[in-house]
Amino acid sequence: MRKSAIVKDDRSAIGLRDLEAVQRLQTSPVFMALFDIPWTPLFLLGIFIFHPWLGFLALGGGAVLVVIAIFNQTATNTLQMKSAHATFQSDAMSDQIRNEAELIRSLGMTGAAFNRWNQIRSAALGDQLKSANIGGGYSSLTKTLRLFLQSAMLGLGAYLILQNELTPAR
């Protein structure tokens, strides 16, 4: 009977981890970007129809944003992998400690087991924090560049209107 309770706990823990993985996927920016990809060529074509200069500005700005995203991925990938590995180790150790709690208590190893788990968990959280800081820096750079591109598009549009290469909307 006790073995079936342990198996049930393991299944529910695995199910919870799977659910968290699905939640992380659905809230990731990459997943949301998949919905924008089919529309991007259409919008770029529309901008080029207004004026080629506007189209080239949009295309160049988009290329710079893609390059920044690639730099972000390469800068944070190693830390994310280390964090995921340490998280897996801490989860495995936590499961092991929970499954062998009676033995650990009877041997007086509760403090040592907790300290060992805490070290692994702290390493995982430290790597997650470093990765988030680096990613946050790239995210701020991307937002700044997007705002600059919006202003540059408006400014270039106004310049083209003043040069009589575009007509203002009426």
C-alpha atoms as a PDB file:
ATOM      1  CA  MET A   1       0.000   0.000   0.000  1.00  0.00           C
ATOM      2  CA  ARG A   2       2.785   2.400   0.792  1.00  0.00           C
ATOM      3  CA  LYS A   3       4.448   1.710  -2.567  1.00  0.00           C
ATOM      4  CA  SER A   4       1.248   2.650  -4.422  1.00  0.00           C
ATOM      5  CA  ALA A   5       1.106   5.943  -2.498  1.00  0.00           C
ATOM      6  CA  ILE A   6       4.691   6.716  -3.555  1.00  0.00           C
ATOM      7  CA  VAL A   7       3.911   5.853  -7.183  1.00  0.00           C
ATOM      8  CA  LYS A   8       0.843   8.125  -7.054  1.00  0.00           C
ATOM      9  CA  ASP A   9       2.941  10.988  -5.604  1.00  0.00           C
ATOM     10  CA  ASP A  10       5.537  10.502  -8.350  1.00  0.00           C
ATOM     11  CA  ARG A  11       2.846  10.622 -11.048  1.00  0.00           C
ATOM     12  CA  SER A  12       1.324  13.780  -9.650  1.00  0.00           C
ATOM     13  CA  ALA A  13       4.766  15.419  -9.377  1.00  0.00           C
ATOM     14  CA  ILE A  14       5.535  14.499 -12.981  1.00  0.00           C
ATOM     15  CA  GLY A  15       2.129  15.779 -14.088  1.00  0.00           C
ATOM     16  CA  LEU A  16       2.711  19.066 -12.282  1.00  0.00           C
ATOM     17  CA  ARG A  17       6.126  19.498 -13.928  1.00  0.00           C
ATOM     18  CA  ASP A  18       4.604  18.764 -17.339  1.00  0.00           C
ATOM     19  CA  LEU A  19       1.887  21.336 -16.713  1.00  0.00           C
ATOM     20  CA  GLU A  20       4.502  23.925 -15.719  1.00  0.00           C
ATOM     21  CA  ALA A  21       6.460  23.179 -18.906  1.00  0.00           C
ATOM     22  CA  VAL A  22       3.341  23.761 -21.033  1.00  0.00           C
ATOM     23  CA  GLN A  23       2.658  27.010 -19.155  1.00  0.00           C
ATOM     24  CA  ARG A  24       6.231  28.235 -19.752  1.00  0.00           C
ATOM     25  CA  LEU A  25       5.887  27.430 -23.460  1.00  0.00           C
ATOM     26  CA  GLN A  26       2.601  29.274 -23.851  1.00  0.00           C
ATOM     27  CA  THR A  27       3.863  32.397 -22.114  1.00  0.00           C
ATOM     28  CA  SER A  28       7.210  32.515 -23.908  1.00  0.00           C
ATOM     29  CA  PRO A  29       7.839  35.356 -26.357  1.00  0.00           C
ATOM     30  CA  VAL A  30       8.985  32.849 -28.979  1.00  0.00           C
ATOM     31  CA  PHE A  31       5.583  31.150 -28.982  1.00  0.00           C
ATOM     32  CA  MET A  32       3.804  34.476 -29.393  1.00  0.00           C
ATOM     33  CA  ALA A  33       6.165  35.482 -32.215  1.00  0.00           C
ATOM     34  CA  LEU A  34       5.050  32.438 -34.203  1.00  0.00           C
ATOM     35  CA  PHE A  35       1.704  34.157 -34.706  1.00  0.00           C
ATOM     36  CA  ASP A  36       3.412  37.254 -36.156  1.00  0.00           C
ATOM     37  CA  ILE A  37       5.670  35.468 -38.645  1.00  0.00           C
ATOM     38  CA  PRO A  38       3.065  34.844 -41.378  1.00  0.00           C
ATOM     39  CA  TRP A  39       1.977  38.499 -41.353  1.00  0.00           C
ATOM     40  CA  THR A  40       5.442  40.078 -41.427  1.00  0.00           C
ATOM     41  CA  PRO A  41       6.004  39.890 -45.230  1.00  0.00           C
ATOM     42  CA  LEU A  42       2.554  41.344 -45.841  1.00  0.00           C
ATOM     43  CA  PHE A  43       3.205  44.341 -43.570  1.00  0.00           C
ATOM     44  CA  LEU A  44       6.656  44.908 -45.067  1.00  0.00           C
ATOM     45  CA  LEU A  45       5.139  44.850 -48.549  1.00  0.00           C
ATOM     46  CA  GLY A  46       2.558  47.410 -47.436  1.00  0.00           C
ATOM     47  CA  ILE A  47       5.282  49.693 -46.095  1.00  0.00           C
ATOM     48  CA  PHE A  48       7.298  49.371 -49.319  1.00  0.00           C
ATOM     49  CA  ILE A  49       4.164  50.342 -51.281  1.00  0.00           C
ATOM     50  CA  PHE A  50       4.027  53.655 -49.383  1.00  0.00           C
ATOM     51  CA  HIS A  51       7.680  54.427 -50.128  1.00  0.00           C
ATOM     52  CA  PRO A  52      10.845  52.346 -50.617  1.00  0.00           C
ATOM     53  CA  TRP A  53      12.778  54.356 -48.017  1.00  0.00           C
ATOM     54  CA  LEU A  54      10.180  53.532 -45.375  1.00  0.00           C
ATOM     55  CA  GLY A  55      10.364  49.883 -46.395  1.00  0.00           C
ATOM     56  CA  PHE A  56      14.140  49.784 -46.136  1.00  0.00           C
ATOM     57  CA  LEU A  57      14.009  51.461 -42.716  1.00  0.00           C
ATOM     58  CA  ALA A  58      11.501  48.853 -41.520  1.00  0.00           C
ATOM     59  CA  LEU A  59      13.518  46.002 -43.027  1.00  0.00           C
ATOM     60  CA  GLY A  60      16.808  47.285 -41.572  1.00  0.00           C
ATOM     61  CA  GLY A  61      15.261  47.876 -38.153  1.00  0.00           C
ATOM     62  CA  GLY A  62      13.752  44.385 -38.184  1.00  0.00           C
ATOM     63  CA  ALA A  63      17.134  42.898 -39.114  1.00  0.00           C
ATOM     64  CA  VAL A  64      18.810  44.708 -36.208  1.00  0.00           C
ATOM     65  CA  LEU A  65      16.112  43.426 -33.840  1.00  0.00           C
ATOM     66  CA  VAL A  66      16.671  39.862 -35.087  1.00  0.00           C
ATOM     67  CA  VAL A  67      20.431  40.199 -34.539  1.00  0.00           C
ATOM     68  CA  ILE A  68      19.847  41.446 -30.987  1.00  0.00           C
ATOM     69  CA  ALA A  69      17.521  38.495 -30.351  1.00  0.00           C
ATOM     70  CA  ILE A  70      20.215  36.085 -31.563  1.00  0.00           C
ATOM     71  CA  PHE A  71      22.791  37.732 -29.279  1.00  0.00           C
ATOM     72  CA  ASN A  72      20.323  37.449 -26.387  1.00  0.00           C
ATOM     73  CA  GLN A  73      19.823  33.749 -27.074  1.00  0.00           C
ATOM     74  CA  THR A  74      23.541  33.002 -27.273  1.00  0.00           C
ATOM     75  CA  ALA A  75      24.317  35.046 -24.160  1.00  0.00           C
ATOM     76  CA  THR A  76      21.663  33.407 -21.984  1.00  0.00           C
ATOM     77  CA  ASN A  77      21.581  29.865 -23.388  1.00  0.00           C
ATOM     78  CA  THR A  78      24.480  28.463 -21.335  1.00  0.00           C
ATOM     79  CA  LEU A  79      23.167  29.931 -18.091  1.00  0.00           C
ATOM     80  CA  GLN A  80      19.682  28.616 -18.785  1.00  0.00           C
ATOM     81  CA  MET A  81      21.047  25.135 -19.458  1.00  0.00           C
ATOM     82  CA  LYS A  82      23.079  25.200 -16.236  1.00  0.00           C
ATOM     83  CA  SER A  83      20.044  26.415 -14.320  1.00  0.00           C
ATOM     84  CA  ALA A  84      17.818  23.722 -15.813  1.00  0.00           C
ATOM     85  CA  HIS A  85      20.355  21.034 -14.927  1.00  0.00           C
ATOM     86  CA  ALA A  86      20.717  22.303 -11.356  1.00  0.00           C
ATOM     87  CA  THR A  87      16.925  22.564 -11.024  1.00  0.00           C
ATOM     88  CA  PHE A  88      16.585  18.963 -12.206  1.00  0.00           C
ATOM     89  CA  GLN A  89      19.217  17.884  -9.667  1.00  0.00           C
ATOM     90  CA  SER A  90      17.517  19.768  -6.837  1.00  0.00           C
ATOM     91  CA  ASP A  91      14.127  18.306  -7.768  1.00  0.00           C
ATOM     92  CA  ALA A  92      15.582  14.799  -7.874  1.00  0.00           C
ATOM     93  CA  MET A  93      17.271  15.328  -4.512  1.00  0.00           C
ATOM     94  CA  SER A  94      14.076  16.720  -3.015  1.00  0.00           C
ATOM     95  CA  ASP A  95      12.171  13.652  -4.227  1.00  0.00           C
ATOM     96  CA  GLN A  96      14.850  11.395  -2.789  1.00  0.00           C
ATOM     97  CA  ILE A  97      14.818  13.195   0.558  1.00  0.00           C
ATOM     98  CA  ARG A  98      11.039  13.038   0.671  1.00  0.00           C
ATOM     99  CA  ASN A  99      11.007   9.312  -0.173  1.00  0.00           C
ATOM    100  CA  GLU A 100      13.636   8.520   2.440  1.00  0.00           C
ATOM    101  CA  ALA A 101      12.546  11.009   5.094  1.00  0.00           C
ATOM    102  CA  GLU A 102      12.212   8.422   7.852  1.00  0.00           C
ATOM    103  CA  LEU A 103      15.723   7.090   7.284  1.00  0.00           C
ATOM    104  CA  ILE A 104      17.218  10.580   7.129  1.00  0.00           C
ATOM    105  CA  ARG A 105      15.479  11.586  10.374  1.00  0.00           C
ATOM    106  CA  SER A 106      16.495   8.403  12.159  1.00  0.00           C
ATOM    107  CA  LEU A 107      20.136   8.915  11.184  1.00  0.00           C
ATOM    108  CA  GLY A 108      20.049  12.567  12.284  1.00  0.00           C
ATOM    109  CA  MET A 109      20.920  13.792   8.802  1.00  0.00           C
ATOM    110  CA  THR A 110      18.017  16.196   8.334  1.00  0.00           C
ATOM    111  CA  GLY A 111      20.161  19.334   8.542  1.00  0.00           C
ATOM    112  CA  ALA A 112      22.875  17.952   6.266  1.00  0.00           C
ATOM    113  CA  ALA A 113      20.348  16.776   3.681  1.00  0.00           C
ATOM    114  CA  PHE A 114      18.601  20.146   3.710  1.00  0.00           C
ATOM    115  CA  ASN A 115      21.921  22.015   3.395  1.00  0.00           C
ATOM    116  CA  ARG A 116      22.949  19.872   0.431  1.00  0.00           C
ATOM    117  CA  TRP A 117      19.608  20.425  -1.301  1.00  0.00           C
ATOM    118  CA  ASN A 118      19.773  24.148  -0.503  1.00  0.00           C
ATOM    119  CA  GLN A 119      23.215  24.480  -2.122  1.00  0.00           C
ATOM    120  CA  ILE A 120      22.006  22.908  -5.357  1.00  0.00           C
ATOM    121  CA  ARG A 121      18.793  24.947  -5.334  1.00  0.00           C
ATOM    122  CA  SER A 122      20.709  28.168  -4.650  1.00  0.00           C
ATOM    123  CA  ALA A 123      23.002  27.462  -7.609  1.00  0.00           C
ATOM    124  CA  ALA A 124      19.959  26.948  -9.837  1.00  0.00           C
ATOM    125  CA  LEU A 125      18.329  30.165  -8.652  1.00  0.00           C
ATOM    126  CA  GLY A 126      21.607  32.077  -9.047  1.00  0.00           C
ATOM    127  CA  ASP A 127      21.962  30.974 -12.659  1.00  0.00           C
ATOM    128  CA  GLN A 128      18.308  31.814 -13.324  1.00  0.00           C
ATOM    129  CA  LEU A 129      18.843  35.288 -11.879  1.00  0.00           C
ATOM    130  CA  LYS A 130      21.975  35.899 -13.973  1.00  0.00           C
ATOM    131  CA  SER A 131      20.163  34.743 -17.095  1.00  0.00           C
ATOM    132  CA  ALA A 132      17.180  36.971 -16.296  1.00  0.00           C
ATOM    133  CA  ASN A 133      19.461  39.978 -15.764  1.00  0.00           C
ATOM    134  CA  ILE A 134      21.212  39.482 -19.091  1.00  0.00           C
ATOM    135  CA  GLY A 135      17.911  38.844 -20.862  1.00  0.00           C
ATOM    136  CA  GLY A 136      16.426  41.934 -19.216  1.00  0.00           C
ATOM    137  CA  GLY A 137      19.266  44.055 -20.569  1.00  0.00           C
ATOM    138  CA  TYR A 138      18.667  42.792 -24.087  1.00  0.00           C
ATOM    139  CA  SER A 139      14.929  43.280 -23.626  1.00  0.00           C
ATOM    140  CA  SER A 140      15.479  46.911 -22.623  1.00  0.00           C
ATOM    141  CA  LEU A 141      17.730  47.431 -25.637  1.00  0.00           C
ATOM    142  CA  THR A 142      15.080  45.927 -27.903  1.00  0.00           C
ATOM    143  CA  LYS A 143      12.310  48.119 -26.467  1.00  0.00           C
ATOM    144  CA  THR A 144      14.462  51.216 -26.846  1.00  0.00           C
ATOM    145  CA  LEU A 145      15.271  50.354 -30.444  1.00  0.00           C
ATOM    146  CA  ARG A 146      11.611  49.663 -31.241  1.00  0.00           C
ATOM    147  CA  LEU A 147      10.617  53.077 -29.853  1.00  0.00           C
ATOM    148  CA  PHE A 148      13.418  54.689 -31.854  1.00  0.00           C
ATOM    149  CA  LEU A 149      12.254  52.918 -35.018  1.00  0.00           C
ATOM    150  CA  GLN A 150       8.706  54.153 -34.484  1.00  0.00           C
ATOM    151  CA  SER A 151       9.952  57.715 -34.162  1.00  0.00           C
ATOM    152  CA  ALA A 152      12.280  57.287 -37.131  1.00  0.00           C
ATOM    153  CA  MET A 153       9.400  56.014 -39.298  1.00  0.00           C
ATOM    154  CA  LEU A 154       7.291  59.041 -38.339  1.00  0.00           C
ATOM    155  CA  GLY A 155      10.194  61.402 -38.924  1.00  0.00           C
ATOM    156  CA  LEU A 156      11.072  59.850 -42.285  1.00  0.00           C
ATOM    157  CA  GLY A 157       7.418  59.961 -43.312  1.00  0.00           C
ATOM    158  CA  ALA A 158       7.228  63.666 -42.407  1.00  0.00           C
ATOM    159  CA  TYR A 159      10.455  64.349 -44.328  1.00  0.00           C
ATOM    160  CA  LEU A 160       9.113  62.535 -47.396  1.00  0.00           C
ATOM    161  CA  ILE A 161       5.886  64.577 -47.214  1.00  0.00           C
ATOM    162  CA  LEU A 162       7.881  67.819 -47.020  1.00  0.00           C
ATOM    163  CA  GLN A 163       9.847  66.699 -50.082  1.00  0.00           C
ATOM    164  CA  ASN A 164       6.569  65.979 -51.931  1.00  0.00           C
ATOM    165  CA  GLU A 165       7.476  62.302 -52.322  1.00  0.00           C
ATOM    166  CA  LEU A 166       4.462  61.262 -50.227  1.00  0.00           C
ATOM    167  CA  THR A 167       1.098  62.890 -49.765  1.00  0.00           C
ATOM    168  CA  PRO A 168      -0.278  63.451 -46.269  1.00  0.00           C
ATOM    169  CA  ALA A 169      -3.390  61.508 -45.340  1.00  0.00           C
ATOM    170  CA  ARG A 170      -6.566  63.485 -45.754  1.00  0.00           C
END
